[in-house]
């Protein structure tokens, strides 16, 4: 069984940039250790990717905060993780979940059975979206989320997203499960 790690949107804007939070900063060391625990060729990292027209997009109208504009510092993987993420497969995505990532992982699973662990930001938006897409694409694989390596927009939304994932047969590790 090949173990795959998906590092979701650990970009500067989500950690300590335009949409950053103290909870996001607080998980950096856990995320670094988790990445280091996997062979780098089994690590995939998503990059939320927007452009100069972001505020005129549907997402931008609902979240009018420019972030992760391709090519800016805020779009880059957070500086504290850049060394450990070198060599990982990077997948850009224009929205919360990545259909491309799900397809890539599906092809990996066809070659050799996989299990997938997700970590990153934000639990209640992009982590849950990608976890559910992966589970929908491959309902028979084990999908895990490490709560100690995730942060939500708020602690309450983080917990709600973890509960949603548990309900969808995604195993949540770490944290304080009930």
N, C-alpha and C. Protein backbone atom coordinates (compact mmCIF):
# COMPACT_ATOMS: atom_id res chain seq x y z
N UNK A 1 0.85 -1.18 0.00
CA UNK A 1 0.00 0.00 0.00
C UNK A 1 0.89 1.24 0.00
N UNK A 2 0.72 2.05 -1.00
CA UNK A 2 1.50 3.28 -1.11
C UNK A 2 0.77 4.40 -0.37
N UNK A 3 1.49 5.08 0.49
CA UNK A 3 0.92 6.18 1.26
C UNK A 3 1.27 7.51 0.61
N UNK A 4 0.22 8.30 0.34
CA UNK A 4 0.37 9.60 -0.32
C UNK A 4 -0.01 10.68 0.68
N UNK A 5 0.77 11.74 0.72
CA UNK A 5 0.45 12.91 1.53
C UNK A 5 0.05 14.06 0.61
N UNK A 6 -1.09 14.67 0.90
CA UNK A 6 -1.54 15.85 0.17
C UNK A 6 -1.47 17.04 1.13
N UNK A 7 -0.64 18.00 0.77
CA UNK A 7 -0.45 19.22 1.55
C UNK A 7 -1.27 20.31 0.86
N UNK A 8 -2.35 20.72 1.51
CA UNK A 8 -3.29 21.63 0.89
C UNK A 8 -2.97 23.10 1.24
N UNK A 9 -2.63 23.87 0.23
CA UNK A 9 -2.58 25.34 0.28
C UNK A 9 -1.78 25.93 1.45
N UNK A 10 -0.62 25.36 1.73
CA UNK A 10 0.22 25.93 2.79
C UNK A 10 1.00 27.12 2.23
N UNK A 11 0.25 28.08 1.73
CA UNK A 11 0.80 29.26 1.07
C UNK A 11 0.82 30.44 2.03
N UNK A 12 1.73 31.36 1.77
CA UNK A 12 1.92 32.51 2.65
C UNK A 12 0.62 33.25 2.95
N UNK A 13 -0.19 33.51 1.92
CA UNK A 13 -1.42 34.26 2.16
C UNK A 13 -2.36 33.57 3.15
N UNK A 14 -2.34 32.25 3.20
CA UNK A 14 -3.21 31.52 4.13
C UNK A 14 -2.59 31.35 5.51
N UNK A 15 -1.27 31.44 5.59
CA UNK A 15 -0.59 31.25 6.89
C UNK A 15 -0.52 32.58 7.63
N UNK A 16 0.22 33.54 7.05
CA UNK A 16 0.39 34.82 7.75
C UNK A 16 0.27 36.01 6.80
N UNK A 17 -0.42 35.79 5.70
CA UNK A 17 -0.65 36.85 4.73
C UNK A 17 -2.07 37.38 4.81
N UNK A 18 -2.65 37.70 3.67
CA UNK A 18 -3.94 38.39 3.63
C UNK A 18 -5.08 37.62 4.27
N UNK A 19 -5.02 36.30 4.30
CA UNK A 19 -6.06 35.47 4.93
C UNK A 19 -5.48 34.61 6.06
N UNK A 20 -4.34 35.00 6.58
CA UNK A 20 -3.66 34.23 7.61
C UNK A 20 -4.38 34.28 8.95
N UNK A 21 -3.95 33.36 9.84
CA UNK A 21 -4.51 33.31 11.19
C UNK A 21 -3.48 32.74 12.16
N UNK A 22 -3.68 32.99 13.43
CA UNK A 22 -2.77 32.44 14.44
C UNK A 22 -2.86 30.92 14.44
N UNK A 23 -4.03 30.35 14.13
CA UNK A 23 -4.17 28.89 14.07
C UNK A 23 -3.35 28.31 12.93
N UNK A 24 -3.31 29.01 11.79
CA UNK A 24 -2.50 28.55 10.65
C UNK A 24 -1.02 28.59 10.99
N UNK A 25 -0.57 29.66 11.63
CA UNK A 25 0.83 29.76 12.05
C UNK A 25 1.16 28.64 13.03
N UNK A 26 0.22 28.33 13.91
CA UNK A 26 0.46 27.35 14.97
C UNK A 26 0.69 25.93 14.44
N UNK A 27 0.21 25.60 13.24
CA UNK A 27 0.38 24.24 12.73
C UNK A 27 1.66 24.06 11.90
N UNK A 28 2.41 25.13 11.65
CA UNK A 28 3.57 25.05 10.76
C UNK A 28 4.55 23.94 11.15
N UNK A 29 4.90 23.85 12.41
CA UNK A 29 5.88 22.83 12.83
C UNK A 29 5.33 21.43 12.65
N UNK A 30 4.04 21.22 12.96
CA UNK A 30 3.43 19.91 12.74
C UNK A 30 3.42 19.53 11.26
N UNK A 31 3.11 20.51 10.42
CA UNK A 31 3.08 20.28 8.97
C UNK A 31 4.48 19.91 8.47
N UNK A 32 5.47 20.64 8.93
CA UNK A 32 6.85 20.36 8.53
C UNK A 32 7.25 18.93 8.90
N UNK A 33 6.96 18.54 10.13
CA UNK A 33 7.29 17.17 10.58
C UNK A 33 6.55 16.12 9.76
N UNK A 34 5.30 16.39 9.44
CA UNK A 34 4.50 15.43 8.66
C UNK A 34 5.10 15.27 7.27
N UNK A 35 5.44 16.37 6.62
CA UNK A 35 6.04 16.29 5.28
C UNK A 35 7.34 15.49 5.35
N UNK A 36 8.15 15.76 6.36
CA UNK A 36 9.43 15.05 6.50
C UNK A 36 9.24 13.56 6.76
N UNK A 37 8.08 13.14 7.20
CA UNK A 37 7.84 11.72 7.50
C UNK A 37 7.49 10.90 6.25
N UNK A 38 7.31 11.57 5.12
CA UNK A 38 6.97 10.90 3.86
C UNK A 38 8.13 11.01 2.88
N UNK A 39 8.34 9.99 2.03
CA UNK A 39 9.27 10.17 0.92
C UNK A 39 8.72 11.30 0.03
N UNK A 40 9.58 12.22 -0.38
CA UNK A 40 9.11 13.41 -1.10
C UNK A 40 8.38 13.07 -2.39
N UNK A 41 8.71 11.94 -3.02
CA UNK A 41 8.02 11.56 -4.25
C UNK A 41 6.58 11.11 -3.98
N UNK A 42 6.20 10.97 -2.72
CA UNK A 42 4.83 10.60 -2.35
C UNK A 42 4.09 11.79 -1.74
N UNK A 43 4.64 12.99 -1.96
CA UNK A 43 4.01 14.21 -1.44
C UNK A 43 3.50 15.05 -2.61
N UNK A 44 2.23 15.45 -2.51
CA UNK A 44 1.59 16.34 -3.47
C UNK A 44 1.19 17.59 -2.71
N UNK A 45 1.40 18.75 -3.30
CA UNK A 45 1.02 20.00 -2.66
C UNK A 45 0.16 20.82 -3.60
N UNK A 46 -0.97 21.30 -3.09
CA UNK A 46 -1.82 22.15 -3.91
C UNK A 46 -1.46 23.61 -3.69
N UNK A 47 -1.66 24.38 -4.74
CA UNK A 47 -1.46 25.83 -4.71
C UNK A 47 -2.74 26.50 -5.18
N UNK A 48 -3.43 27.15 -4.25
CA UNK A 48 -4.58 27.96 -4.61
C UNK A 48 -4.04 29.03 -5.56
N UNK A 49 -4.64 29.18 -6.72
CA UNK A 49 -4.05 30.04 -7.75
C UNK A 49 -5.10 30.94 -8.37
N UNK A 50 -4.91 32.24 -8.14
CA UNK A 50 -5.81 33.25 -8.71
C UNK A 50 -5.00 34.22 -9.56
N UNK A 51 -5.73 35.12 -10.22
CA UNK A 51 -5.09 36.08 -11.12
C UNK A 51 -5.59 37.48 -10.80
N UNK A 52 -5.10 38.46 -11.55
CA UNK A 52 -5.41 39.87 -11.29
C UNK A 52 -6.91 40.16 -11.30
N UNK A 53 -7.69 39.34 -12.00
CA UNK A 53 -9.13 39.55 -12.09
C UNK A 53 -9.90 38.88 -10.94
N UNK A 54 -9.21 38.43 -9.91
CA UNK A 54 -9.84 37.66 -8.83
C UNK A 54 -11.11 38.30 -8.29
N UNK A 55 -11.09 39.59 -8.02
CA UNK A 55 -12.24 40.24 -7.39
C UNK A 55 -13.49 40.23 -8.28
N UNK A 56 -13.32 40.00 -9.58
CA UNK A 56 -14.48 39.93 -10.48
C UNK A 56 -14.97 38.50 -10.68
N UNK A 57 -14.29 37.52 -10.08
CA UNK A 57 -14.73 36.13 -10.20
C UNK A 57 -15.84 35.85 -9.19
N UNK A 58 -16.53 34.74 -9.37
CA UNK A 58 -17.58 34.35 -8.43
C UNK A 58 -17.02 34.22 -7.01
N UNK A 59 -15.88 33.55 -6.87
CA UNK A 59 -15.27 33.43 -5.56
C UNK A 59 -14.91 34.80 -4.99
N UNK A 60 -14.34 35.65 -5.81
CA UNK A 60 -13.94 36.99 -5.38
C UNK A 60 -15.10 37.85 -4.93
N UNK A 61 -16.26 37.63 -5.52
CA UNK A 61 -17.45 38.38 -5.10
C UNK A 61 -17.94 37.92 -3.73
N UNK A 62 -17.69 36.64 -3.39
CA UNK A 62 -18.10 36.10 -2.09
C UNK A 62 -17.02 36.26 -1.03
N UNK A 63 -15.77 36.32 -1.46
CA UNK A 63 -14.63 36.53 -0.55
C UNK A 63 -13.76 37.63 -1.16
N UNK A 64 -14.15 38.89 -0.94
CA UNK A 64 -13.45 40.00 -1.60
C UNK A 64 -12.11 40.37 -0.95
N UNK A 65 -11.24 39.38 -0.82
CA UNK A 65 -9.89 39.60 -0.31
C UNK A 65 -8.94 38.97 -1.32
N UNK A 66 -8.15 39.80 -1.98
CA UNK A 66 -7.19 39.26 -2.93
C UNK A 66 -6.21 38.36 -2.19
N UNK A 67 -5.97 37.18 -2.75
CA UNK A 67 -5.03 36.23 -2.14
C UNK A 67 -4.54 35.26 -3.20
N UNK A 68 -3.37 34.73 -2.95
CA UNK A 68 -2.77 33.71 -3.81
C UNK A 68 -2.80 34.08 -5.29
N UNK A 69 -2.44 35.33 -5.56
CA UNK A 69 -2.34 35.79 -6.95
C UNK A 69 -1.04 35.22 -7.51
N UNK A 70 -1.17 34.43 -8.56
CA UNK A 70 -0.02 33.71 -9.12
C UNK A 70 1.17 34.63 -9.33
N UNK A 71 2.32 34.16 -8.84
CA UNK A 71 3.57 34.90 -9.00
C UNK A 71 3.91 35.83 -7.85
N UNK A 72 2.95 36.08 -6.94
CA UNK A 72 3.23 36.95 -5.80
C UNK A 72 3.81 36.15 -4.64
N UNK A 73 4.37 36.84 -3.66
CA UNK A 73 4.88 36.16 -2.46
C UNK A 73 3.77 35.40 -1.75
N UNK A 74 2.57 35.96 -1.71
CA UNK A 74 1.45 35.32 -1.04
C UNK A 74 1.04 34.00 -1.66
N UNK A 75 1.34 33.81 -2.94
CA UNK A 75 1.01 32.59 -3.67
C UNK A 75 2.00 31.46 -3.37
N UNK A 76 3.19 31.83 -2.93
CA UNK A 76 4.25 30.85 -2.71
C UNK A 76 3.98 30.00 -1.46
N UNK A 77 4.51 28.77 -1.47
CA UNK A 77 4.50 27.95 -0.26
C UNK A 77 5.18 28.77 0.84
N UNK A 78 4.64 28.69 2.05
CA UNK A 78 5.19 29.47 3.16
C UNK A 78 6.69 29.20 3.28
N UNK A 79 7.45 30.26 3.52
CA UNK A 79 8.92 30.16 3.54
C UNK A 79 9.43 29.10 4.51
N UNK A 80 8.74 28.85 5.60
CA UNK A 80 9.22 27.87 6.59
C UNK A 80 9.09 26.43 6.09
N UNK A 81 8.37 26.23 4.98
CA UNK A 81 8.15 24.87 4.46
C UNK A 81 8.83 24.63 3.11
N UNK A 82 9.39 25.68 2.53
CA UNK A 82 9.90 25.55 1.16
C UNK A 82 10.99 24.49 1.02
N UNK A 83 11.89 24.40 1.99
CA UNK A 83 12.96 23.41 1.88
C UNK A 83 12.44 21.99 1.97
N UNK A 84 11.47 21.73 2.86
CA UNK A 84 10.98 20.35 3.02
C UNK A 84 10.02 19.94 1.92
N UNK A 85 9.45 20.89 1.20
CA UNK A 85 8.50 20.56 0.15
C UNK A 85 9.17 20.43 -1.23
N UNK A 86 10.46 20.81 -1.30
CA UNK A 86 11.19 20.70 -2.58
C UNK A 86 11.14 19.27 -3.09
N UNK A 87 10.77 19.14 -4.36
CA UNK A 87 10.69 17.83 -4.98
C UNK A 87 9.30 17.23 -4.96
N UNK A 88 8.37 17.82 -4.21
CA UNK A 88 6.99 17.35 -4.20
C UNK A 88 6.32 17.69 -5.53
N UNK A 89 5.26 16.98 -5.85
CA UNK A 89 4.46 17.30 -7.03
C UNK A 89 3.52 18.44 -6.67
N UNK A 90 3.61 19.55 -7.41
CA UNK A 90 2.77 20.71 -7.16
C UNK A 90 1.59 20.71 -8.13
N UNK A 91 0.41 20.98 -7.59
CA UNK A 91 -0.80 21.03 -8.41
C UNK A 91 -1.48 22.37 -8.16
N UNK A 92 -1.56 23.20 -9.20
CA UNK A 92 -2.27 24.47 -9.04
C UNK A 92 -3.76 24.19 -9.19
N UNK A 93 -4.56 25.00 -8.47
CA UNK A 93 -6.00 24.83 -8.55
C UNK A 93 -6.67 26.20 -8.50
N UNK A 94 -7.69 26.41 -9.33
CA UNK A 94 -8.35 27.71 -9.39
C UNK A 94 -9.46 27.89 -8.37
N UNK A 95 -9.77 26.84 -7.65
CA UNK A 95 -10.87 26.89 -6.69
C UNK A 95 -10.59 25.96 -5.53
N UNK A 96 -11.58 25.71 -4.71
CA UNK A 96 -11.39 25.00 -3.45
C UNK A 96 -10.84 23.58 -3.62
N UNK A 97 -11.48 22.79 -4.44
CA UNK A 97 -11.05 21.41 -4.67
C UNK A 97 -10.40 21.27 -6.02
N UNK A 98 -9.53 20.28 -6.16
CA UNK A 98 -8.82 20.06 -7.42
C UNK A 98 -9.25 18.75 -8.06
N UNK A 99 -10.01 18.87 -9.14
CA UNK A 99 -10.37 17.69 -9.92
C UNK A 99 -9.10 17.06 -10.51
N UNK A 100 -8.15 17.90 -10.90
CA UNK A 100 -6.90 17.41 -11.45
C UNK A 100 -6.17 16.53 -10.44
N UNK A 101 -6.09 16.98 -9.20
CA UNK A 101 -5.43 16.18 -8.17
C UNK A 101 -6.13 14.84 -7.99
N UNK A 102 -7.45 14.84 -7.93
CA UNK A 102 -8.19 13.58 -7.78
C UNK A 102 -7.89 12.63 -8.93
N UNK A 103 -7.80 13.17 -10.14
CA UNK A 103 -7.49 12.33 -11.31
C UNK A 103 -6.06 11.78 -11.25
N UNK A 104 -5.12 12.62 -10.85
CA UNK A 104 -3.73 12.16 -10.71
C UNK A 104 -3.66 11.01 -9.70
N UNK A 105 -4.31 11.19 -8.56
CA UNK A 105 -4.28 10.16 -7.52
C UNK A 105 -5.01 8.90 -7.96
N UNK A 106 -6.07 9.06 -8.72
CA UNK A 106 -6.80 7.90 -9.25
C UNK A 106 -5.89 7.06 -10.15
N UNK A 107 -5.09 7.73 -10.98
CA UNK A 107 -4.14 7.02 -11.85
C UNK A 107 -3.06 6.32 -11.01
N UNK A 108 -2.61 6.97 -9.95
CA UNK A 108 -1.64 6.34 -9.04
C UNK A 108 -2.23 5.07 -8.44
N UNK A 109 -3.49 5.15 -8.04
CA UNK A 109 -4.17 4.01 -7.43
C UNK A 109 -4.35 2.85 -8.41
N UNK A 110 -4.50 3.17 -9.69
CA UNK A 110 -4.62 2.12 -10.71
C UNK A 110 -3.30 1.36 -10.86
N UNK A 111 -2.18 2.06 -10.66
CA UNK A 111 -0.86 1.41 -10.75
C UNK A 111 -0.56 0.58 -9.52
N UNK A 112 -0.89 1.14 -8.36
CA UNK A 112 -0.61 0.49 -7.07
C UNK A 112 -1.60 1.06 -6.06
N UNK A 113 -2.22 0.19 -5.25
CA UNK A 113 -3.18 0.69 -4.27
C UNK A 113 -2.57 1.76 -3.36
N UNK A 114 -3.35 2.82 -3.13
CA UNK A 114 -2.87 3.92 -2.30
C UNK A 114 -3.81 4.18 -1.14
N UNK A 115 -3.28 4.88 -0.16
CA UNK A 115 -4.11 5.55 0.83
C UNK A 115 -3.62 6.99 0.86
N UNK A 116 -4.50 7.90 1.21
CA UNK A 116 -4.19 9.32 1.12
C UNK A 116 -4.41 9.98 2.48
N UNK A 117 -3.43 10.79 2.87
CA UNK A 117 -3.56 11.61 4.07
C UNK A 117 -3.51 13.08 3.64
N UNK A 118 -4.43 13.88 4.14
CA UNK A 118 -4.46 15.31 3.83
C UNK A 118 -4.14 16.13 5.06
N UNK A 119 -3.43 17.23 4.82
CA UNK A 119 -3.12 18.21 5.85
C UNK A 119 -3.20 19.58 5.20
N UNK A 120 -3.30 20.65 6.00
CA UNK A 120 -3.20 21.97 5.41
C UNK A 120 -4.32 22.92 5.77
N UNK A 121 -4.58 23.85 4.84
CA UNK A 121 -5.48 24.98 5.07
C UNK A 121 -6.47 25.10 3.91
N UNK A 122 -7.56 25.61 4.20
CA UNK A 122 -8.28 25.71 5.45
C UNK A 122 -9.13 24.46 5.59
N UNK A 123 -9.20 23.92 6.78
CA UNK A 123 -9.92 22.67 7.02
C UNK A 123 -11.33 22.73 6.43
N UNK A 124 -12.01 23.84 6.66
CA UNK A 124 -13.42 23.96 6.31
C UNK A 124 -13.68 24.41 4.87
N UNK A 125 -12.64 24.63 4.11
CA UNK A 125 -12.85 25.03 2.71
C UNK A 125 -12.09 24.07 1.79
N UNK A 126 -10.79 24.23 1.68
CA UNK A 126 -10.02 23.48 0.70
C UNK A 126 -9.65 22.07 1.15
N UNK A 127 -9.39 21.86 2.45
CA UNK A 127 -9.07 20.50 2.90
C UNK A 127 -10.29 19.61 2.73
N UNK A 128 -11.44 20.04 3.24
CA UNK A 128 -12.65 19.22 3.13
C UNK A 128 -13.03 19.01 1.66
N UNK A 129 -12.90 20.04 0.83
CA UNK A 129 -13.24 19.90 -0.60
C UNK A 129 -12.39 18.84 -1.28
N UNK A 130 -11.08 18.88 -1.02
CA UNK A 130 -10.19 17.91 -1.65
C UNK A 130 -10.39 16.51 -1.07
N UNK A 131 -10.59 16.40 0.21
CA UNK A 131 -10.83 15.09 0.83
C UNK A 131 -12.08 14.45 0.24
N UNK A 132 -13.15 15.22 0.09
CA UNK A 132 -14.39 14.67 -0.45
C UNK A 132 -14.26 14.32 -1.93
N UNK A 133 -13.54 15.13 -2.70
CA UNK A 133 -13.32 14.80 -4.11
C UNK A 133 -12.52 13.50 -4.25
N UNK A 134 -11.48 13.36 -3.44
CA UNK A 134 -10.65 12.15 -3.50
C UNK A 134 -11.48 10.94 -3.09
N UNK A 135 -12.26 11.06 -2.03
CA UNK A 135 -13.10 9.95 -1.57
C UNK A 135 -14.16 9.60 -2.62
N UNK A 136 -14.74 10.61 -3.28
CA UNK A 136 -15.72 10.36 -4.33
C UNK A 136 -15.10 9.67 -5.54
N UNK A 137 -13.88 10.06 -5.88
CA UNK A 137 -13.19 9.48 -7.04
C UNK A 137 -12.75 8.04 -6.77
N UNK A 138 -12.45 7.75 -5.49
CA UNK A 138 -11.95 6.42 -5.12
C UNK A 138 -12.59 5.99 -3.79
N UNK A 139 -13.86 5.60 -3.81
CA UNK A 139 -14.57 5.32 -2.56
C UNK A 139 -14.00 4.16 -1.75
N UNK A 140 -13.21 3.31 -2.37
CA UNK A 140 -12.69 2.14 -1.65
C UNK A 140 -11.33 2.37 -0.99
N UNK A 141 -10.72 3.53 -1.21
CA UNK A 141 -9.43 3.76 -0.56
C UNK A 141 -9.64 4.40 0.81
N UNK A 142 -8.64 4.26 1.66
CA UNK A 142 -8.65 4.93 2.95
C UNK A 142 -8.15 6.35 2.78
N UNK A 143 -8.91 7.29 3.30
CA UNK A 143 -8.54 8.70 3.27
C UNK A 143 -8.50 9.19 4.71
N UNK A 144 -7.42 9.87 5.06
CA UNK A 144 -7.19 10.36 6.41
C UNK A 144 -6.97 11.87 6.38
N UNK A 145 -7.32 12.52 7.47
CA UNK A 145 -6.99 13.93 7.67
C UNK A 145 -6.39 14.04 9.07
N UNK A 146 -5.23 14.66 9.18
CA UNK A 146 -4.58 14.87 10.48
C UNK A 146 -5.01 16.23 11.02
N UNK A 147 -5.87 16.21 12.03
CA UNK A 147 -6.41 17.45 12.60
C UNK A 147 -5.32 18.34 13.18
N UNK A 148 -4.22 17.75 13.62
CA UNK A 148 -3.12 18.53 14.20
C UNK A 148 -2.30 19.28 13.15
N UNK A 149 -2.55 18.96 11.89
CA UNK A 149 -1.83 19.60 10.79
C UNK A 149 -2.78 20.40 9.90
N UNK A 150 -3.94 20.77 10.46
CA UNK A 150 -4.93 21.56 9.73
C UNK A 150 -5.40 22.71 10.61
N UNK A 151 -5.86 23.75 9.97
CA UNK A 151 -6.50 24.87 10.67
C UNK A 151 -7.62 25.39 9.78
N UNK A 152 -8.70 25.77 10.43
CA UNK A 152 -9.84 26.30 9.71
C UNK A 152 -9.89 27.81 9.78
N UNK A 153 -10.88 28.39 9.13
CA UNK A 153 -11.08 29.83 9.17
C UNK A 153 -11.30 30.26 10.62
N UNK A 154 -12.02 29.43 11.38
CA UNK A 154 -12.18 29.62 12.83
C UNK A 154 -12.05 28.25 13.46
N UNK A 155 -11.74 28.17 14.75
CA UNK A 155 -11.70 26.86 15.42
C UNK A 155 -13.04 26.11 15.30
N UNK A 156 -14.16 26.80 15.39
CA UNK A 156 -15.46 26.14 15.28
C UNK A 156 -15.68 25.56 13.88
N UNK A 157 -15.29 26.29 12.86
CA UNK A 157 -15.44 25.79 11.49
C UNK A 157 -14.49 24.62 11.23
N UNK A 158 -13.30 24.66 11.81
CA UNK A 158 -12.35 23.55 11.73
C UNK A 158 -13.01 22.28 12.27
N UNK A 159 -13.59 22.38 13.47
CA UNK A 159 -14.25 21.23 14.09
C UNK A 159 -15.43 20.75 13.27
N UNK A 160 -16.23 21.67 12.73
CA UNK A 160 -17.37 21.28 11.91
C UNK A 160 -16.93 20.53 10.65
N UNK A 161 -15.85 20.98 10.03
CA UNK A 161 -15.34 20.30 8.83
C UNK A 161 -14.82 18.91 9.17
N UNK A 162 -14.14 18.79 10.31
CA UNK A 162 -13.67 17.46 10.72
C UNK A 162 -14.85 16.52 10.91
N UNK A 163 -15.92 17.01 11.51
CA UNK A 163 -17.12 16.18 11.72
C UNK A 163 -17.76 15.80 10.39
N UNK A 164 -17.81 16.73 9.45
CA UNK A 164 -18.33 16.42 8.11
C UNK A 164 -17.51 15.31 7.47
N UNK A 165 -16.19 15.41 7.57
CA UNK A 165 -15.34 14.38 6.96
C UNK A 165 -15.54 13.03 7.65
N UNK A 166 -15.64 13.02 8.97
CA UNK A 166 -15.92 11.76 9.67
C UNK A 166 -17.21 11.14 9.14
N UNK A 167 -18.22 11.96 8.93
CA UNK A 167 -19.51 11.47 8.43
C UNK A 167 -19.39 10.86 7.04
N UNK A 168 -18.40 11.27 6.30
CA UNK A 168 -18.18 10.78 4.93
C UNK A 168 -17.10 9.71 4.87
N UNK A 169 -16.84 9.06 6.01
CA UNK A 169 -15.92 7.94 6.11
C UNK A 169 -14.47 8.32 5.79
N UNK A 170 -14.12 9.53 6.16
CA UNK A 170 -12.74 9.98 6.12
C UNK A 170 -12.26 9.94 7.56
N UNK A 171 -11.17 9.23 7.79
CA UNK A 171 -10.69 9.06 9.17
C UNK A 171 -9.92 10.29 9.61
N UNK A 172 -10.32 10.85 10.73
CA UNK A 172 -9.66 12.01 11.30
C UNK A 172 -8.75 11.53 12.41
N UNK A 173 -7.47 11.87 12.30
CA UNK A 173 -6.49 11.53 13.32
C UNK A 173 -6.05 12.80 14.02
N UNK A 174 -5.38 12.64 15.16
CA UNK A 174 -4.91 13.80 15.90
C UNK A 174 -6.08 14.53 16.54
N UNK A 175 -5.79 15.69 17.08
CA UNK A 175 -6.84 16.50 17.70
C UNK A 175 -7.44 15.80 18.91
N UNK A 176 -8.63 16.20 19.25
CA UNK A 176 -9.35 15.61 20.38
C UNK A 176 -10.69 15.06 19.91
N UNK A 177 -10.67 13.92 19.21
CA UNK A 177 -11.95 13.37 18.75
C UNK A 177 -12.83 12.99 19.93
N UNK A 178 -14.14 13.12 19.75
CA UNK A 178 -15.10 12.78 20.82
C UNK A 178 -15.08 11.30 21.12
